PDB file of N, CA and C in Angstrom:
ATOM      1  N   MET A   1     200.867 346.549  33.970  1.00  0.00           N
ATOM      2  CA  MET A   1     201.297 345.385  33.239  1.00  0.00           C
ATOM      3  C   MET A   1     200.991 345.557  31.749  1.00  0.00           C
ATOM      4  N   ILE A   2     199.778 345.950  31.417  1.00  0.00           N
ATOM      5  CA  ILE A   2     199.417 346.143  30.018  1.00  0.00           C
ATOM      6  C   ILE A   2     200.221 347.295  29.442  1.00  0.00           C
ATOM      7  N   LYS A   3     200.378 348.363  30.228  1.00  0.00           N
ATOM      8  CA  LYS A   3     201.118 349.517  29.753  1.00  0.00           C
ATOM      9  C   LYS A   3     202.558 349.131  29.424  1.00  0.00           C
ATOM     10  N   THR A   4     203.195 348.354  30.273  1.00  0.00           N
ATOM     11  CA  THR A   4     204.571 347.923  30.041  1.00  0.00           C
ATOM     12  C   THR A   4     204.666 347.084  28.780  1.00  0.00           C
ATOM     13  N   PHE A   5     203.765 346.141  28.622  1.00  0.00           N
ATOM     14  CA  PHE A   5     203.751 345.303  27.428  1.00  0.00           C
ATOM     15  C   PHE A   5     203.539 346.155  26.184  1.00  0.00           C
ATOM     16  N   PHE A   6     202.594 347.078  26.264  1.00  0.00           N
ATOM     17  CA  PHE A   6     202.248 347.957  25.161  1.00  0.00           C
ATOM     18  C   PHE A   6     203.462 348.793  24.751  1.00  0.00           C
ATOM     19  N   VAL A   7     204.128 349.378  25.713  1.00  0.00           N
ATOM     20  CA  VAL A   7     205.294 350.222  25.442  1.00  0.00           C
ATOM     21  C   VAL A   7     206.432 349.400  24.851  1.00  0.00           C
ATOM     22  N   ARG A   8     206.663 348.201  25.365  1.00  0.00           N
ATOM     23  CA  ARG A   8     207.735 347.350  24.832  1.00  0.00           C
ATOM     24  C   ARG A   8     207.462 346.949  23.391  1.00  0.00           C
ATOM     25  N   CYS A   9     206.236 346.558  23.099  1.00  0.00           N
ATOM     26  CA  CYS A   9     205.883 346.174  21.724  1.00  0.00           C
ATOM     27  C   CYS A   9     206.103 347.340  20.776  1.00  0.00           C
ATOM     28  N   ILE A  10     205.648 348.495  21.182  1.00  0.00           N
ATOM     29  CA  ILE A  10     205.771 349.669  20.328  1.00  0.00           C
ATOM     30  C   ILE A  10     207.231 350.053  20.145  1.00  0.00           C
ATOM     31  N   SER A  11     208.018 349.946  21.190  1.00  0.00           N
ATOM     32  CA  SER A  11     209.437 350.284  21.085  1.00  0.00           C
ATOM     33  C   SER A  11     210.158 349.381  20.099  1.00  0.00           C
ATOM     34  N   VAL A  12     209.909 348.087  20.195  1.00  0.00           N
ATOM     35  CA  VAL A  12     210.550 347.135  19.283  1.00  0.00           C
ATOM     36  C   VAL A  12     210.149 347.423  17.849  1.00  0.00           C
ATOM     37  N   ILE A  13     208.892 347.648  17.648  1.00  0.00           N
ATOM     38  CA  ILE A  13     208.414 347.893  16.292  1.00  0.00           C
ATOM     39  C   ILE A  13     208.926 349.229  15.775  1.00  0.00           C
ATOM     40  N   ALA A  14     208.912 350.246  16.616  1.00  0.00           N
ATOM     41  CA  ALA A  14     209.388 351.559  16.196  1.00  0.00           C
ATOM     42  C   ALA A  14     210.862 351.513  15.811  1.00  0.00           C
ATOM     43  N   LEU A  15     211.631 350.719  16.519  1.00  0.00           N
ATOM     44  CA  LEU A  15     213.050 350.601  16.192  1.00  0.00           C
ATOM     45  C   LEU A  15     213.274 349.864  14.880  1.00  0.00           C
ATOM     46  N   SER A  16     212.340 349.019  14.501  1.00  0.00           N
ATOM     47  CA  SER A  16     212.507 348.271  13.258  1.00  0.00           C
ATOM     48  C   SER A  16     212.033 349.053  12.038  1.00  0.00           C
ATOM     49  N   LEU A  17     211.220 350.076  12.228  1.00  0.00           N
ATOM     50  CA  LEU A  17     210.712 350.832  11.091  1.00  0.00           C
ATOM     51  C   LEU A  17     211.797 351.528  10.263  1.00  0.00           C
ATOM     52  N   PRO A  18     212.826 352.098  10.875  1.00  0.00           N
ATOM     53  CA  PRO A  18     213.834 352.763  10.056  1.00  0.00           C
ATOM     54  C   PRO A  18     214.539 351.840   9.065  1.00  0.00           C
ATOM     55  N   SER A  19     214.463 350.553   9.263  1.00  0.00           N
ATOM     56  CA  SER A  19     215.088 349.641   8.319  1.00  0.00           C
ATOM     57  C   SER A  19     214.296 349.531   7.027  1.00  0.00           C
ATOM     58  N   CYS A  20     213.125 350.150   6.988  1.00  0.00           N
ATOM     59  CA  CYS A  20     212.322 350.141   5.772  1.00  0.00           C
ATOM     60  C   CYS A  20     213.006 351.001   4.720  1.00  0.00           C
ATOM     61  N   SER A  21     212.750 350.705   3.463  1.00  0.00           N
ATOM     62  CA  SER A  21     213.419 351.418   2.383  1.00  0.00           C
ATOM     63  C   SER A  21     212.978 352.872   2.288  1.00  0.00           C
ATOM     64  N   ASP A  22     211.788 353.183   2.691  1.00  0.00           N
ATOM     65  CA  ASP A  22     211.278 354.540   2.590  1.00  0.00           C
ATOM     66  C   ASP A  22     211.271 355.178   3.972  1.00  0.00           C
ATOM     67  N   LEU A  23     212.431 355.665   4.392  1.00  0.00           N
ATOM     68  CA  LEU A  23     212.616 356.163   5.753  1.00  0.00           C
ATOM     69  C   LEU A  23     211.676 357.310   6.096  1.00  0.00           C
ATOM     70  N   GLU A  24     211.499 358.257   5.194  1.00  0.00           N
ATOM     71  CA  GLU A  24     210.650 359.412   5.485  1.00  0.00           C
ATOM     72  C   GLU A  24     209.211 358.981   5.755  1.00  0.00           C
ATOM     73  N   ASN A  25     208.694 358.071   4.958  1.00  0.00           N
ATOM     74  CA  ASN A  25     207.339 357.578   5.187  1.00  0.00           C
ATOM     75  C   ASN A  25     207.260 356.774   6.479  1.00  0.00           C
ATOM     76  N   ALA A  26     208.319 356.054   6.794  1.00  0.00           N
ATOM     77  CA  ALA A  26     208.347 355.280   8.041  1.00  0.00           C
ATOM     78  C   ALA A  26     208.275 356.213   9.241  1.00  0.00           C
ATOM     79  N   VAL A  27     209.001 357.303   9.174  1.00  0.00           N
ATOM     80  CA  VAL A  27     209.003 358.271  10.275  1.00  0.00           C
ATOM     81  C   VAL A  27     207.630 358.925  10.401  1.00  0.00           C
ATOM     82  N   THR A  28     207.047 359.303   9.286  1.00  0.00           N
ATOM     83  CA  THR A  28     205.713 359.909   9.302  1.00  0.00           C
ATOM     84  C   THR A  28     204.687 358.941   9.868  1.00  0.00           C
ATOM     85  N   TYR A  29     204.753 357.694   9.437  1.00  0.00           N
ATOM     86  CA  TYR A  29     203.830 356.661   9.916  1.00  0.00           C
ATOM     87  C   TYR A  29     203.995 356.481  11.426  1.00  0.00           C
ATOM     88  N   ASN A  30     205.240 356.360  11.863  1.00  0.00           N
ATOM     89  CA  ASN A  30     205.518 356.190  13.287  1.00  0.00           C
ATOM     90  C   ASN A  30     205.034 357.396  14.094  1.00  0.00           C
ATOM     91  N   ASN A  31     205.309 358.596  13.617  1.00  0.00           N
ATOM     92  CA  ASN A  31     204.893 359.802  14.338  1.00  0.00           C
ATOM     93  C   ASN A  31     203.375 359.895  14.464  1.00  0.00           C
ATOM     94  N   THR A  32     202.674 359.513  13.409  1.00  0.00           N
ATOM     95  CA  THR A  32     201.212 359.523  13.449  1.00  0.00           C
ATOM     96  C   THR A  32     200.710 358.582  14.532  1.00  0.00           C
ATOM     97  N   ILE A  33     201.260 357.392  14.564  1.00  0.00           N
ATOM     98  CA  ILE A  33     200.848 356.417  15.573  1.00  0.00           C
ATOM     99  C   ILE A  33     201.237 356.886  16.975  1.00  0.00           C
ATOM    100  N   MET A  34     202.419 357.441  17.125  1.00  0.00           N
ATOM    101  CA  MET A  34     202.862 357.891  18.448  1.00  0.00           C
ATOM    102  C   MET A  34     201.978 359.020  18.987  1.00  0.00           C
ATOM    103  N   ARG A  35     201.498 359.905  18.106  1.00  0.00           N
ATOM    104  CA  ARG A  35     200.582 360.961  18.561  1.00  0.00           C
ATOM    105  C   ARG A  35     199.290 360.354  19.100  1.00  0.00           C
ATOM    106  N   ILE A  36     198.817 359.304  18.459  1.00  0.00           N
ATOM    107  CA  ILE A  36     197.601 358.628  18.923  1.00  0.00           C
ATOM    108  C   ILE A  36     197.860 357.948  20.266  1.00  0.00           C
ATOM    109  N   ILE A  37     199.005 357.286  20.390  1.00  0.00           N
ATOM    110  CA  ILE A  37     199.355 356.615  21.647  1.00  0.00           C
ATOM    111  C   ILE A  37     199.511 357.637  22.775  1.00  0.00           C
ATOM    112  N   ASP A  38     200.140 358.775  22.470  1.00  0.00           N
ATOM    113  CA  ASP A  38     200.320 359.822  23.483  1.00  0.00           C
ATOM    114  C   ASP A  38     198.984 360.274  24.060  1.00  0.00           C
ATOM    115  N   ASN A  39     197.949 360.266  23.232  1.00  0.00           N
ATOM    116  CA  ASN A  39     196.621 360.641  23.710  1.00  0.00           C
ATOM    117  C   ASN A  39     196.181 359.713  24.841  1.00  0.00           C
ATOM    118  N   SER A  40     196.385 358.410  24.672  1.00  0.00           N
ATOM    119  CA  SER A  40     196.023 357.463  25.731  1.00  0.00           C
ATOM    120  C   SER A  40     196.916 357.634  26.949  1.00  0.00           C
ATOM    121  N   GLU A  41     198.184 357.905  26.726  1.00  0.00           N
ATOM    122  CA  GLU A  41     199.105 358.084  27.847  1.00  0.00           C
ATOM    123  C   GLU A  41     198.722 359.287  28.703  1.00  0.00           C
ATOM    124  N   LYS A  42     198.172 360.330  28.079  1.00  0.00           N
ATOM    125  CA  LYS A  42     197.703 361.489  28.849  1.00  0.00           C
ATOM    126  C   LYS A  42     196.579 361.074  29.790  1.00  0.00           C
ATOM    127  N   HIS A  43     195.706 360.196  29.303  1.00  0.00           N
ATOM    128  CA  HIS A  43     194.616 359.710  30.147  1.00  0.00           C
ATOM    129  C   HIS A  43     195.156 358.843  31.288  1.00  0.00           C
ATOM    130  N   VAL A  44     196.176 358.039  31.001  1.00  0.00           N
ATOM    131  CA  VAL A  44     196.790 357.204  32.040  1.00  0.00           C
ATOM    132  C   VAL A  44     197.346 358.094  33.149  1.00  0.00           C
ATOM    133  N   SER A  45     198.073 359.121  32.769  1.00  0.00           N
ATOM    134  CA  SER A  45     198.664 360.035  33.759  1.00  0.00           C
ATOM    135  C   SER A  45     197.591 360.748  34.571  1.00  0.00           C
ATOM    136  N   ALA A  46     196.566 361.225  33.889  1.00  0.00           N
ATOM    137  CA  ALA A  46     195.481 361.920  34.589  1.00  0.00           C
ATOM    138  C   ALA A  46     194.755 360.976  35.545  1.00  0.00           C
ATOM    139  N   MET A  47     194.544 359.751  35.101  1.00  0.00           N
ATOM    140  CA  MET A  47     193.870 358.755  35.943  1.00  0.00           C
ATOM    141  C   MET A  47     194.719 358.452  37.174  1.00  0.00           C
ATOM    142  N   ASN A  48     196.015 358.256  36.981  1.00  0.00           N
ATOM    143  CA  ASN A  48     196.908 357.981  38.110  1.00  0.00           C
ATOM    144  C   ASN A  48     196.895 359.124  39.120  1.00  0.00           C
ATOM    145  N   THR A  49     196.927 360.345  38.628  1.00  0.00           N
ATOM    146  CA  THR A  49     196.899 361.506  39.516  1.00  0.00           C
ATOM    147  C   THR A  49     195.603 361.543  40.321  1.00  0.00           C
ATOM    148  N   ALA A  50     194.488 361.324  39.651  1.00  0.00           N
ATOM    149  CA  ALA A  50     193.194 361.348  40.343  1.00  0.00           C
ATOM    150  C   ALA A  50     193.106 360.253  41.401  1.00  0.00           C
ATOM    151  N   VAL A  51     193.544 359.062  41.059  1.00  0.00           N
ATOM    152  CA  VAL A  51     193.473 357.944  42.007  1.00  0.00           C
ATOM    153  C   VAL A  51     194.434 358.168  43.172  1.00  0.00           C
ATOM    154  N   ASN A  52     195.641 358.633  42.879  1.00  0.00           N
ATOM    155  CA  ASN A  52     196.628 358.866  43.944  1.00  0.00           C
ATOM    156  C   ASN A  52     196.194 359.946  44.927  1.00  0.00           C
ATOM    157  N   THR A  53     195.371 360.875  44.469  1.00  0.00           N
ATOM    158  CA  THR A  53     194.861 361.918  45.363  1.00  0.00           C
ATOM    159  C   THR A  53     193.481 361.561  45.912  1.00  0.00           C
ATOM    160  N   ALA A  54     193.052 360.337  45.651  1.00  0.00           N
ATOM    161  CA  ALA A  54     191.751 359.822  46.122  1.00  0.00           C
ATOM    162  C   ALA A  54     190.571 360.641  45.609  1.00  0.00           C
ATOM    163  N   ASP A  55     190.742 361.261  44.443  1.00  0.00           N
ATOM    164  CA  ASP A  55     189.652 362.015  43.810  1.00  0.00           C
ATOM    165  C   ASP A  55     188.943 361.076  42.840  1.00  0.00           C
ATOM    166  N   TYR A  56     188.120 360.214  43.393  1.00  0.00           N
ATOM    167  CA  TYR A  56     187.508 359.151  42.599  1.00  0.00           C
ATOM    168  C   TYR A  56     186.439 359.669  41.642  1.00  0.00           C
ATOM    169  N   ARG A  57     185.830 360.764  41.977  1.00  0.00           N
ATOM    170  CA  ARG A  57     184.869 361.375  41.046  1.00  0.00           C
ATOM    171  C   ARG A  57     185.607 361.832  39.784  1.00  0.00           C
ATOM    172  N   LYS A  58     186.754 362.466  39.983  1.00  0.00           N
ATOM    173  CA  LYS A  58     187.571 362.912  38.846  1.00  0.00           C
ATOM    174  C   LYS A  58     188.067 361.701  38.056  1.00  0.00           C
ATOM    175  N   ALA A  59     188.464 360.657  38.752  1.00  0.00           N
ATOM    176  CA  ALA A  59     188.934 359.442  38.079  1.00  0.00           C
ATOM    177  C   ALA A  59     187.836 358.852  37.203  1.00  0.00           C
ATOM    178  N   GLU A  60     186.616 358.875  37.696  1.00  0.00           N
ATOM    179  CA  GLU A  60     185.500 358.356  36.910  1.00  0.00           C
ATOM    180  C   GLU A  60     185.254 359.217  35.673  1.00  0.00           C
ATOM    181  N   GLU A  61     185.351 360.533  35.832  1.00  0.00           N
ATOM    182  CA  GLU A  61     185.195 361.440  34.688  1.00  0.00           C
ATOM    183  C   GLU A  61     186.275 361.174  33.642  1.00  0.00           C
ATOM    184  N   ILE A  62     187.505 361.028  34.104  1.00  0.00           N
ATOM    185  CA  ILE A  62     188.620 360.752  33.197  1.00  0.00           C
ATOM    186  C   ILE A  62     188.400 359.432  32.484  1.00  0.00           C
ATOM    187  N   CYS A  63     187.954 358.450  33.220  1.00  0.00           N
ATOM    188  CA  CYS A  63     187.717 357.131  32.645  1.00  0.00           C
ATOM    189  C   CYS A  63     186.666 357.199  31.542  1.00  0.00           C
ATOM    190  N   GLU A  64     185.609 357.954  31.769  1.00  0.00           N
ATOM    191  CA  GLU A  64     184.560 358.090  30.761  1.00  0.00           C
ATOM    192  C   GLU A  64     185.077 358.819  29.521  1.00  0.00           C
ATOM    193  N   LEU A  65     185.859 359.875  29.729  1.00  0.00           N
ATOM    194  CA  LEU A  65     186.454 360.595  28.598  1.00  0.00           C
ATOM    195  C   LEU A  65     187.427 359.701  27.834  1.00  0.00           C
ATOM    196  N   TRP A  66     188.208 358.955  28.583  1.00  0.00           N
ATOM    197  CA  TRP A  66     189.193 358.056  27.993  1.00  0.00           C
ATOM    198  C   TRP A  66     188.499 356.978  27.167  1.00  0.00           C
ATOM    199  N   GLU A  67     187.400 356.467  27.693  1.00  0.00           N
ATOM    200  CA  GLU A  67     186.665 355.421  26.985  1.00  0.00           C
ATOM    201  C   GLU A  67     186.178 355.930  25.625  1.00  0.00           C
ATOM    202  N   ALA A  68     185.656 357.151  25.589  1.00  0.00           N
ATOM    203  CA  ALA A  68     185.212 357.732  24.317  1.00  0.00           C
ATOM    204  C   ALA A  68     186.403 358.003  23.406  1.00  0.00           C
ATOM    205  N   SER A  69     187.476 358.477  23.986  1.00  0.00           N
ATOM    206  CA  SER A  69     188.677 358.799  23.220  1.00  0.00           C
ATOM    207  C   SER A  69     189.314 357.551  22.620  1.00  0.00           C
ATOM    208  N   ILE A  70     189.322 356.476  23.373  1.00  0.00           N
ATOM    209  CA  ILE A  70     189.985 355.260  22.897  1.00  0.00           C
ATOM    210  C   ILE A  70     189.253 354.669  21.696  1.00  0.00           C
ATOM    211  N   ASP A  71     187.936 354.825  21.667  1.00  0.00           N
ATOM    212  CA  ASP A  71     187.178 354.378  20.498  1.00  0.00           C
ATOM    213  C   ASP A  71     187.621 355.149  19.252  1.00  0.00           C
ATOM    214  N   ARG A  72     187.801 356.459  19.402  1.00  0.00           N
ATOM    215  CA  ARG A  72     188.271 357.281  18.275  1.00  0.00           C
ATOM    216  C   ARG A  72     189.702 356.910  17.883  1.00  0.00           C
ATOM    217  N   ASP A  73     190.546 356.662  18.890  1.00  0.00           N
ATOM    218  CA  ASP A  73     191.939 356.305  18.608  1.00  0.00           C
ATOM    219  C   ASP A  73     192.035 354.985  17.847  1.00  0.00           C
ATOM    220  N   ILE A  74     191.226 354.013  18.238  1.00  0.00           N
ATOM    221  CA  ILE A  74     191.214 352.726  17.540  1.00  0.00           C
ATOM    222  C   ILE A  74     190.791 352.931  16.093  1.00  0.00           C
ATOM    223  N   LYS A  75     189.776 353.743  15.895  1.00  0.00           N
ATOM    224  CA  LYS A  75     189.300 354.008  14.532  1.00  0.00           C
ATOM    225  C   LYS A  75     190.401 354.675  13.697  1.00  0.00           C
ATOM    226  N   LYS A  76     191.129 355.633  14.302  1.00  0.00           N
ATOM    227  CA  LYS A  76     192.217 356.311  13.584  1.00  0.00           C
ATOM    228  C   LYS A  76     193.299 355.320  13.156  1.00  0.00           C
ATOM    229  N   ILE A  77     193.669 354.411  14.058  1.00  0.00           N
ATOM    230  CA  ILE A  77     194.703 353.422  13.733  1.00  0.00           C
ATOM    231  C   ILE A  77     194.212 352.492  12.631  1.00  0.00           C
ATOM    232  N   GLU A  78     192.959 352.073  12.722  1.00  0.00           N
ATOM    233  CA  GLU A  78     192.407 351.200  11.683  1.00  0.00           C
ATOM    234  C   GLU A  78     192.375 351.913  10.337  1.00  0.00           C
ATOM    235  N   GLU A  79     192.004 353.194  10.335  1.00  0.00           N
ATOM    236  CA  GLU A  79     191.966 353.966   9.092  1.00  0.00           C
ATOM    237  C   GLU A  79     193.365 354.240   8.549  1.00  0.00           C
ATOM    238  N   LEU A  80     194.337 354.373   9.428  1.00  0.00           N
ATOM    239  CA  LEU A  80     195.717 354.610   9.000  1.00  0.00           C
ATOM    240  C   LEU A  80     196.228 353.443   8.167  1.00  0.00           C
ATOM    241  N   GLY A  81     195.834 352.252   8.556  1.00  0.00           N
ATOM    242  CA  GLY A  81     196.224 351.063   7.799  1.00  0.00           C
ATOM    243  C   GLY A  81     197.621 350.584   8.145  1.00  0.00           C
ATOM    244  N   ASP A  82     198.074 349.634   7.349  1.00  0.00           N
ATOM    245  CA  ASP A  82     199.388 349.039   7.583  1.00  0.00           C
ATOM    246  C   ASP A  82     200.479 349.894   6.954  1.00  0.00           C
ATOM    247  N   PHE A  83     201.713 349.488   7.159  1.00  0.00           N
ATOM    248  CA  PHE A  83     202.837 350.195   6.558  1.00  0.00           C
ATOM    249  C   PHE A  83     203.388 349.352   5.421  1.00  0.00           C
ATOM    250  N   HIS A  84     203.036 349.709   4.214  1.00  0.00           N
ATOM    251  CA  HIS A  84     203.495 348.992   3.014  1.00  0.00           C
ATOM    252  C   HIS A  84     203.292 347.483   3.135  1.00  0.00           C
ATOM    253  N   GLY A  85     202.122 347.090   3.602  1.00  0.00           N
ATOM    254  CA  GLY A  85     201.800 345.670   3.715  1.00  0.00           C
ATOM    255  C   GLY A  85     202.217 345.021   5.019  1.00  0.00           C
ATOM    256  N   ASP A  86     202.967 345.724   5.843  1.00  0.00           N
ATOM    257  CA  ASP A  86     203.403 345.185   7.133  1.00  0.00           C
ATOM    258  C   ASP A  86     202.408 345.630   8.206  1.00  0.00           C
ATOM    259  N   THR A  87     201.682 344.682   8.757  1.00  0.00           N
ATOM    260  CA  THR A  87     200.636 344.992   9.740  1.00  0.00           C
ATOM    261  C   THR A  87     201.110 344.864  11.186  1.00  0.00           C
ATOM    262  N   LEU A  88     202.354 344.477  11.413  1.00  0.00           N
ATOM    263  CA  LEU A  88     202.836 344.189  12.763  1.00  0.00           C
ATOM    264  C   LEU A  88     202.674 345.374  13.716  1.00  0.00           C
ATOM    265  N   TYR A  89     203.136 346.529  13.300  1.00  0.00           N
ATOM    266  CA  TYR A  89     203.064 347.725  14.147  1.00  0.00           C
ATOM    267  C   TYR A  89     201.608 348.102  14.413  1.00  0.00           C
ATOM    268  N   GLN A  90     200.819 348.143  13.366  1.00  0.00           N
ATOM    269  CA  GLN A  90     199.412 348.496  13.503  1.00  0.00           C
ATOM    270  C   GLN A  90     198.696 347.529  14.451  1.00  0.00           C
ATOM    271  N   ARG A  91     198.936 346.252  14.288  1.00  0.00           N
ATOM    272  CA  ARG A  91     198.278 345.255  15.148  1.00  0.00           C
ATOM    273  C   ARG A  91     198.721 345.386  16.597  1.00  0.00           C
ATOM    274  N   ALA A  92     200.007 345.664  16.821  1.00  0.00           N
ATOM    275  CA  ALA A  92     200.505 345.823  18.196  1.00  0.00           C
ATOM    276  C   ALA A  92     199.822 347.000  18.886  1.00  0.00           C
ATOM    277  N   VAL A  93     199.704 348.100  18.172  1.00  0.00           N
ATOM    278  CA  VAL A  93     199.057 349.280  18.744  1.00  0.00           C
ATOM    279  C   VAL A  93     197.574 349.009  18.982  1.00  0.00           C
ATOM    280  N   LEU A  94     196.921 348.396  18.008  1.00  0.00           N
ATOM    281  CA  LEU A  94     195.501 348.067  18.176  1.00  0.00           C
ATOM    282  C   LEU A  94     195.285 347.131  19.360  1.00  0.00           C
ATOM    283  N   ASN A  95     196.159 346.152  19.517  1.00  0.00           N
ATOM    284  CA  ASN A  95     196.035 345.227  20.654  1.00  0.00           C
ATOM    285  C   ASN A  95     196.165 345.968  21.984  1.00  0.00           C
ATOM    286  N   GLY A  96     197.107 346.889  22.058  1.00  0.00           N
ATOM    287  CA  GLY A  96     197.279 347.671  23.283  1.00  0.00           C
ATOM    288  C   GLY A  96     196.070 348.548  23.573  1.00  0.00           C
ATOM    289  N   LEU A  97     195.585 349.242  22.550  1.00  0.00           N
ATOM    290  CA  LEU A  97     194.419 350.105  22.732  1.00  0.00           C
ATOM    291  C   LEU A  97     193.179 349.295  23.090  1.00  0.00           C
ATOM    292  N   LYS A  98     193.020 348.159  22.447  1.00  0.00           N
ATOM    293  CA  LYS A  98     191.858 347.310  22.740  1.00  0.00           C
ATOM    294  C   LYS A  98     191.966 346.696  24.137  1.00  0.00           C
ATOM    295  N   GLY A  99     193.182 346.490  24.610  1.00  0.00           N
ATOM    296  CA  GLY A  99     193.377 346.026  25.985  1.00  0.00           C
ATOM    297  C   GLY A  99     192.885 347.070  26.974  1.00  0.00           C
ATOM    298  N   TYR A 100     193.259 348.337  26.737  1.00  0.00           N
ATOM    299  CA  TYR A 100     192.746 349.422  27.571  1.00  0.00           C
ATOM    300  C   TYR A 100     191.222 349.496  27.462  1.00  0.00           C
ATOM    301  N   GLN A 101     190.727 349.340  26.246  1.00  0.00           N
ATOM    302  CA  GLN A 101     189.287 349.430  26.003  1.00  0.00           C
ATOM    303  C   GLN A 101     188.515 348.386  26.821  1.00  0.00           C
ATOM    304  N   LYS A 102     189.084 347.206  26.974  1.00  0.00           N
ATOM    305  CA  LYS A 102     188.436 346.155  27.771  1.00  0.00           C
ATOM    306  C   LYS A 102     188.471 346.483  29.263  1.00  0.00           C
ATOM    307  N   LEU A 103     189.535 347.119  29.709  1.00  0.00           N
ATOM    308  CA  LEU A 103     189.684 347.426  31.133  1.00  0.00           C
ATOM    309  C   LEU A 103     188.838 348.605  31.600  1.00  0.00           C
ATOM    310  N   LEU A 104     188.617 349.557  30.730  1.00  0.00           N
ATOM    311  CA  LEU A 104     187.933 350.781  31.150  1.00  0.00           C
ATOM    312  C   LEU A 104     186.525 350.558  31.693  1.00  0.00           C
ATOM    313  N   PRO A 105     185.680 349.762  31.053  1.00  0.00           N
ATOM    314  CA  PRO A 105     184.345 349.548  31.642  1.00  0.00           C
ATOM    315  C   PRO A 105     184.422 348.911  33.033  1.00  0.00           C
ATOM    316  N   MET A 106     185.393 348.044  33.253  1.00  0.00           N
ATOM    317  CA  MET A 106     185.563 347.424  34.570  1.00  0.00           C
ATOM    318  C   MET A 106     185.996 348.458  35.596  1.00  0.00           C
ATOM    319  N   THR A 107     186.786 349.428  35.166  1.00  0.00           N
ATOM    320  CA  THR A 107     187.264 350.476  36.058  1.00  0.00           C
ATOM    321  C   THR A 107     186.108 351.354  36.519  1.00  0.00           C
ATOM    322  N   ILE A 108     185.220 351.677  35.603  1.00  0.00           N
ATOM    323  CA  ILE A 108     184.075 352.525  35.936  1.00  0.00           C
ATOM    324  C   ILE A 108     183.144 351.805  36.903  1.00  0.00           C
ATOM    325  N   GLN A 109     182.952 350.511  36.704  1.00  0.00           N
ATOM    326  CA  GLN A 109     182.036 349.743  37.546  1.00  0.00           C
ATOM    327  C   GLN A 109     182.559 349.593  38.964  1.00  0.00           C
ATOM    328  N   ASN A 110     183.878 349.507  39.120  1.00  0.00           N
ATOM    329  CA  ASN A 110     184.456 349.270  40.448  1.00  0.00           C
ATOM    330  C   ASN A 110     184.690 350.564  41.092  1.00  0.00           C
TER     331      ASN A 110
END
């Protein structure tokens, strides 16, 4: 559910970026953010694989790595800043990452 919401928000925002006057910077900004998002998606895929194969020890390891990684990803997005004063894209990505960040400790405990 969070992943779907996260992907939809990012898609809408990514599609609106090319309308900015500085297309090259918009593409660079978008690509930077997408590389950060892809990092979390790799953890999602790895977690799904571990859970689907009932390898819960591996899932816990992935969750711990993901938790550390997501803290770094949030920091990168915050340091990247807004796009020419427009914070919509940055906030959407931060909200998605922070949503994962809230879920991960619960995943490890259960």
